[in-house]
Structure formats: structure tokens, C-alpha cells
């Protein structure tokens, strides 16, 4: 299996420390296959190339530094016929062989039903050392069945990475969500900005490919292969989240029915969101004036 992994590595300070963290991330990706190659897109000139690890420098002096997350796409596009699987990841995601085997096992049955097989990005709570979710703001309440197997619907499909097989990847590059200039991104259904728009791939809310993002469940537990680690652990450290993975499923799961939004509904929702953004922006400016 030939796997292409692209990582965004924005260096602010303490390069040696950041390289050490990145090495752990890369070590896990390299465990997926002997034919895995990692391409690390960075804002610093780094002479640290190892076998199957390649640093690619991008000069961001004249543009938004968050656009570094999009610099990998021209190279990925050229690689479309060379690899079996394509992965994009932020530089602090621990994705290991167990995660990959889980994805290989369930991704085809999900794809046939227009569903994206998802992952839960996790951190370790400072309070009790339990795993917590970084991206789900409430318990999962809906499920569906595929071949008599139960899958929970994720409230938020974002996990700071994406993975597609070659067939799905080629469809992705033909969609409007492949190019940042073609996709407005910030909308009433999900708040995604430049970096997050890249990391959500083709399974963000209100996109046209998948009906939902799902993870398999059994006896009120999520599949262990769906759990990926957020190495930075900065959300749990700041006490921003406390939704524990072992308690993430509602006891009364309801059957999932896809929501079809009409153009009128979408337009009204967009207008409301636009008004909200303007009010929020003005409020923040006023706050700066009087403080």
C-alpha cells in the first residue's frame, strides 16, 4: 500500500522542541505501511530530511500564514495516480496503525451509503486523566444501521485530518471544495476558517458528498480504532472541554434521518449568520475602544 501523508508544520519558536513532537507524529504515520511517504510543509528552511520524510519550505512573508495549510494541494494533485491512499494532517495528530486498520475495515461500507467514516480527536483530562473529546460539544444522540451494524452520527465531523483512498481522492480534487478560492467556507452550518477549511477535507457540514460522518458503536462504546490523539492537549489543559469518551453516547439514541435544506432555508440561515457575524465583530471593536 502506497500512502502519501502531507503535514502542515508551522514553526513559531523552539524548532528543536517542535521537531521532537513532529517526529512522534511521523513515526506513527510511517507504521501504516513500508511504502508510506511523508511530506512536511513548513514556513522554515529545515535540513532534517530522513528516509520517507521530506520537508518542503514555503515562503509566507507576503501572505496569510494560515494559508500554509493549503500549500500541499498542488503536490497532492500531481500525486493522484502514484498513491493508493492520501492523508492530510495537522502536525500534532497521532494517527497509528490501529486507526488505519479500523478505517480500512469500515470505510467501503460507509462510502457505499454516502457516509464518511470518522474519527474522534481526543485529549487527556487534567482532572482525572480520562480521555475527552475535543470536537463534540454534546453527547452523540443519533445512529443508523449498515448491515445490521450500528453507527453513531458525529455532531461535528472535524478532527484536524482527513484520509481518502485514491478513488475518493480523485473525486475530491474535482469538487469545489478542493480549491480555497472556490469555497467560501464560513457559513451558517459550520464555522471554518482558512486552516480548518483545509483540515476538514470533503466531509464538512453542508458539503455535498456525504450524508453524515459516522463511527461504529457496540454496547454504548465507540470503536477504539476511531480514537486519535491530539498531542498538544491544549483544550483539556485549558479546561475548555469535559465530554468524556466513555460517556459520549446518549442512552437514548434516535434513528438518524438526513436533513434536506431547501435553497430558501439555506438563504435565511445564511442571512441570520451574516447578521450575527457583523454584530459580533462590531461588539468586539467597541470593547477594544472602551478598555
Foldseek 3Di string as FASTA:
>chain_A
DAEEEEEEDEDDDDVVVLVVLLVQQVVQQCQQDVNYAYEYEYCDDDDDDDVSYHYDHDPCPPHDPLCSLLVCLVVVVVCLPPGFKYKYAYRQKRQHNLLVVQCVVCQVLQLVVQEAAAAFEWFQAPPPRFIAGDFQQAAFAAWADGPNFIKTFGPWRADRMDMDTSVVVVVQCPDLLSDPVSDPQQFLSDGDDSNRSSRSRQAGPPHDRGLTYIFTDDPQATDPSRYMYRRVNVCSVVVVTDHGRSNRHDPNHHYDDRDDADPVNRVVSRVVVVVVVVVVVVVVVVVVVVD
